[in-house]
């Protein structure tokens, strides 16, 4: 079955993704590999201990930001002159 990658928008066959944990978000093999590399950097830089639930939750937040499902903290607004409508 063909899906569209959340990160880059490319169409990919879900059978080509080898990592079973990549099924959380539809992502091509290249973007998933990029995320796993970034996840290691996040864990190292923030000294996350994956045995602690709050650290796992923080890594999941970074994962959602990476795939564009959430906005990161301090993310700049694209049009700063236009204020969001209430």
N, C-alpha and C. Protein backbone atom coordinates (compact mmCIF):
# COMPACT_ATOMS: atom_id res chain seq x y z
N UNK A 1 0.84 -1.18 0.00
CA UNK A 1 0.00 0.00 0.00
C UNK A 1 0.89 1.25 0.00
N UNK A 2 0.54 2.22 -0.79
CA UNK A 2 1.33 3.45 -0.91
C UNK A 2 0.79 4.50 0.06
N UNK A 3 1.71 5.12 0.77
CA UNK A 3 1.37 6.20 1.70
C UNK A 3 2.21 7.41 1.36
N UNK A 4 1.84 8.55 1.94
CA UNK A 4 2.59 9.78 1.75
C UNK A 4 3.34 10.09 3.04
N UNK A 5 4.61 10.44 2.92
CA UNK A 5 5.46 10.73 4.08
C UNK A 5 5.04 12.05 4.72
N UNK A 6 4.92 12.07 6.05
CA UNK A 6 4.56 13.28 6.77
C UNK A 6 5.63 14.35 6.66
N UNK A 7 6.88 13.95 6.64
CA UNK A 7 8.00 14.89 6.68
C UNK A 7 8.28 15.51 5.31
N UNK A 8 8.48 14.67 4.29
CA UNK A 8 8.90 15.19 2.99
C UNK A 8 7.80 15.17 1.94
N UNK A 9 6.72 14.43 2.19
CA UNK A 9 5.60 14.39 1.25
C UNK A 9 5.75 13.38 0.13
N UNK A 10 6.88 12.66 0.08
CA UNK A 10 7.07 11.66 -0.97
C UNK A 10 6.14 10.48 -0.75
N UNK A 11 5.70 9.89 -1.85
CA UNK A 11 4.92 8.66 -1.77
C UNK A 11 5.90 7.50 -1.58
N UNK A 12 5.52 6.55 -0.72
CA UNK A 12 6.38 5.39 -0.49
C UNK A 12 5.53 4.17 -0.23
N UNK A 13 6.09 3.02 -0.49
CA UNK A 13 5.40 1.76 -0.23
C UNK A 13 5.72 1.36 1.20
N UNK A 14 4.70 1.13 2.01
CA UNK A 14 4.94 0.85 3.43
C UNK A 14 5.71 -0.45 3.64
N UNK A 15 5.80 -1.30 2.64
CA UNK A 15 6.58 -2.54 2.76
C UNK A 15 8.08 -2.27 2.72
N UNK A 16 8.48 -1.07 2.23
CA UNK A 16 9.91 -0.77 2.13
C UNK A 16 10.51 -0.29 3.45
N UNK A 17 9.67 0.03 4.43
CA UNK A 17 10.16 0.50 5.73
C UNK A 17 10.45 -0.72 6.59
N UNK A 18 11.70 -0.86 7.02
CA UNK A 18 12.14 -2.05 7.76
C UNK A 18 11.85 -1.98 9.25
N UNK A 19 11.88 -0.80 9.83
CA UNK A 19 11.74 -0.63 11.28
C UNK A 19 10.27 -0.69 11.68
N UNK A 20 9.86 -1.65 12.52
CA UNK A 20 8.44 -1.74 12.91
C UNK A 20 7.96 -0.53 13.72
N UNK A 21 8.86 0.16 14.41
CA UNK A 21 8.43 1.33 15.18
C UNK A 21 8.14 2.52 14.27
N UNK A 22 8.50 2.43 12.99
CA UNK A 22 8.23 3.51 12.04
C UNK A 22 6.75 3.55 11.64
N UNK A 23 5.98 2.59 12.10
CA UNK A 23 4.55 2.56 11.75
C UNK A 23 3.74 3.61 12.52
N UNK A 24 4.34 4.24 13.54
CA UNK A 24 3.62 5.27 14.31
C UNK A 24 3.19 6.42 13.43
N UNK A 25 4.10 6.87 12.57
CA UNK A 25 3.84 7.98 11.67
C UNK A 25 4.18 7.52 10.26
N UNK A 26 3.33 7.84 9.29
CA UNK A 26 3.70 7.45 7.92
C UNK A 26 4.93 8.24 7.47
N UNK A 27 6.06 7.57 7.36
CA UNK A 27 7.29 8.23 6.95
C UNK A 27 8.11 7.28 6.08
N UNK A 28 8.77 7.86 5.09
CA UNK A 28 9.61 7.06 4.21
C UNK A 28 10.86 6.61 5.00
N UNK A 29 11.58 5.68 4.42
CA UNK A 29 12.76 5.14 5.10
C UNK A 29 13.82 6.21 5.35
N UNK A 30 13.98 7.14 4.40
CA UNK A 30 14.99 8.20 4.56
C UNK A 30 14.66 9.12 5.73
N UNK A 31 13.39 9.54 5.83
CA UNK A 31 13.00 10.44 6.93
C UNK A 31 13.04 9.72 8.27
N UNK A 32 12.68 8.44 8.28
CA UNK A 32 12.74 7.70 9.54
C UNK A 32 14.19 7.55 10.00
N UNK A 33 15.10 7.30 9.06
CA UNK A 33 16.51 7.21 9.40
C UNK A 33 17.01 8.56 9.93
N UNK A 34 16.57 9.65 9.29
CA UNK A 34 16.95 10.98 9.75
C UNK A 34 16.43 11.21 11.18
N UNK A 35 15.19 10.75 11.47
CA UNK A 35 14.66 10.92 12.81
C UNK A 35 15.45 10.11 13.83
N UNK A 36 15.80 8.87 13.51
CA UNK A 36 16.54 8.05 14.48
C UNK A 36 17.90 8.67 14.80
N UNK A 37 18.53 9.28 13.79
CA UNK A 37 19.80 9.97 14.03
C UNK A 37 19.59 11.17 14.94
N UNK A 38 18.53 11.94 14.65
CA UNK A 38 18.24 13.12 15.47
C UNK A 38 17.84 12.71 16.89
N UNK A 39 17.11 11.61 17.03
CA UNK A 39 16.69 11.16 18.35
C UNK A 39 17.89 10.84 19.23
N UNK A 40 18.91 10.22 18.65
CA UNK A 40 20.12 9.91 19.40
C UNK A 40 20.79 11.21 19.85
N UNK A 41 20.83 12.20 18.95
CA UNK A 41 21.43 13.49 19.32
C UNK A 41 20.65 14.16 20.45
N UNK A 42 19.31 14.11 20.38
CA UNK A 42 18.47 14.71 21.43
C UNK A 42 18.72 14.00 22.77
N UNK A 43 18.76 12.67 22.74
CA UNK A 43 18.99 11.91 23.97
C UNK A 43 20.35 12.24 24.57
N UNK A 44 21.36 12.38 23.73
CA UNK A 44 22.70 12.67 24.24
C UNK A 44 22.82 14.10 24.75
N UNK A 45 22.33 15.06 23.96
CA UNK A 45 22.47 16.47 24.35
C UNK A 45 21.67 16.82 25.60
N UNK A 46 20.49 16.21 25.72
CA UNK A 46 19.65 16.51 26.87
C UNK A 46 19.84 15.51 28.01
N UNK A 47 20.73 14.54 27.77
CA UNK A 47 21.03 13.50 28.75
C UNK A 47 19.76 12.81 29.25
N UNK A 48 18.96 12.37 28.30
CA UNK A 48 17.71 11.71 28.63
C UNK A 48 17.97 10.27 29.05
N UNK A 49 17.24 9.84 30.06
CA UNK A 49 17.31 8.47 30.56
C UNK A 49 16.01 7.79 30.15
N UNK A 50 16.08 6.88 29.20
CA UNK A 50 14.87 6.26 28.65
C UNK A 50 14.16 5.34 29.63
N UNK A 51 14.73 5.13 30.81
CA UNK A 51 14.03 4.34 31.83
C UNK A 51 13.03 5.21 32.60
N UNK A 52 13.11 6.53 32.42
CA UNK A 52 12.21 7.45 33.11
C UNK A 52 11.07 7.86 32.19
N UNK A 53 9.82 7.72 32.65
CA UNK A 53 8.66 8.04 31.80
C UNK A 53 8.64 9.49 31.30
N UNK A 54 9.05 10.44 32.14
CA UNK A 54 9.00 11.84 31.71
C UNK A 54 10.04 12.12 30.61
N UNK A 55 11.14 11.38 30.62
CA UNK A 55 12.14 11.55 29.57
C UNK A 55 11.65 10.94 28.26
N UNK A 56 10.96 9.80 28.33
CA UNK A 56 10.38 9.19 27.13
C UNK A 56 9.31 10.11 26.54
N UNK A 57 8.53 10.73 27.41
CA UNK A 57 7.49 11.66 26.96
C UNK A 57 8.11 12.86 26.24
N UNK A 58 9.22 13.37 26.75
CA UNK A 58 9.91 14.49 26.13
C UNK A 58 10.44 14.11 24.74
N UNK A 59 10.98 12.90 24.62
CA UNK A 59 11.48 12.44 23.33
C UNK A 59 10.33 12.30 22.33
N UNK A 60 9.18 11.81 22.78
CA UNK A 60 8.00 11.72 21.90
C UNK A 60 7.56 13.09 21.43
N UNK A 61 7.70 14.10 22.29
CA UNK A 61 7.35 15.47 21.89
C UNK A 61 8.28 15.94 20.77
N UNK A 62 9.58 15.68 20.91
CA UNK A 62 10.52 16.03 19.86
C UNK A 62 10.22 15.27 18.56
N UNK A 63 9.77 14.04 18.71
CA UNK A 63 9.42 13.23 17.54
C UNK A 63 8.23 13.86 16.80
N UNK A 64 7.23 14.30 17.54
CA UNK A 64 6.06 14.95 16.92
C UNK A 64 6.44 16.26 16.26
N UNK A 65 7.33 17.01 16.88
CA UNK A 65 7.80 18.26 16.28
C UNK A 65 8.57 17.95 15.00
N UNK A 66 9.40 16.93 15.01
CA UNK A 66 10.18 16.56 13.83
C UNK A 66 9.28 16.23 12.65
N UNK A 67 8.20 15.49 12.90
CA UNK A 67 7.30 15.09 11.83
C UNK A 67 6.22 16.13 11.54
N UNK A 68 6.27 17.26 12.21
CA UNK A 68 5.35 18.36 11.91
C UNK A 68 3.97 18.23 12.51
N UNK A 69 3.82 17.38 13.52
CA UNK A 69 2.52 17.21 14.16
C UNK A 69 2.29 18.21 15.27
N UNK A 70 3.36 18.82 15.77
CA UNK A 70 3.30 19.84 16.83
C UNK A 70 4.28 20.94 16.48
N UNK A 71 4.02 22.12 17.02
CA UNK A 71 4.98 23.21 16.87
C UNK A 71 5.98 23.13 18.02
N UNK A 72 7.21 23.40 17.70
CA UNK A 72 8.24 23.41 18.72
C UNK A 72 8.16 24.67 19.56
N UNK A 73 8.73 24.62 20.74
CA UNK A 73 8.75 25.80 21.60
C UNK A 73 9.61 26.87 20.96
N UNK A 74 9.11 28.09 20.97
CA UNK A 74 9.86 29.20 20.42
C UNK A 74 9.90 29.23 18.90
N UNK A 75 9.02 28.47 18.25
CA UNK A 75 8.99 28.48 16.79
C UNK A 75 8.47 29.83 16.30
N UNK A 76 9.13 30.37 15.32
CA UNK A 76 8.79 31.69 14.82
C UNK A 76 7.52 31.64 13.96
N UNK A 77 6.76 32.69 14.04
CA UNK A 77 5.57 32.82 13.23
C UNK A 77 5.99 33.21 11.82
N UNK A 78 5.36 32.64 10.78
CA UNK A 78 5.76 32.90 9.41
C UNK A 78 5.49 34.35 9.00
N UNK A 79 4.37 34.90 9.38
CA UNK A 79 4.02 36.29 9.06
C UNK A 79 3.86 37.06 10.36
N UNK A 80 4.93 37.61 10.89
CA UNK A 80 4.84 38.26 12.20
C UNK A 80 3.95 39.51 12.20
N UNK A 81 3.71 40.12 11.02
CA UNK A 81 2.85 41.31 10.97
C UNK A 81 1.38 40.96 11.16
N UNK A 82 1.02 39.74 10.76
CA UNK A 82 -0.37 39.31 10.90
C UNK A 82 -0.56 38.61 12.24
N UNK A 83 -1.49 39.07 13.00
CA UNK A 83 -1.78 38.45 14.30
C UNK A 83 -2.83 37.37 14.10
N UNK A 84 -2.73 36.25 14.83
CA UNK A 84 -3.75 35.19 14.69
C UNK A 84 -5.11 35.71 15.14
N UNK A 85 -6.12 35.30 14.41
CA UNK A 85 -7.50 35.70 14.72
C UNK A 85 -8.02 34.86 15.88
N UNK A 86 -8.68 35.49 16.88
CA UNK A 86 -9.22 34.72 18.02
C UNK A 86 -10.44 33.92 17.64
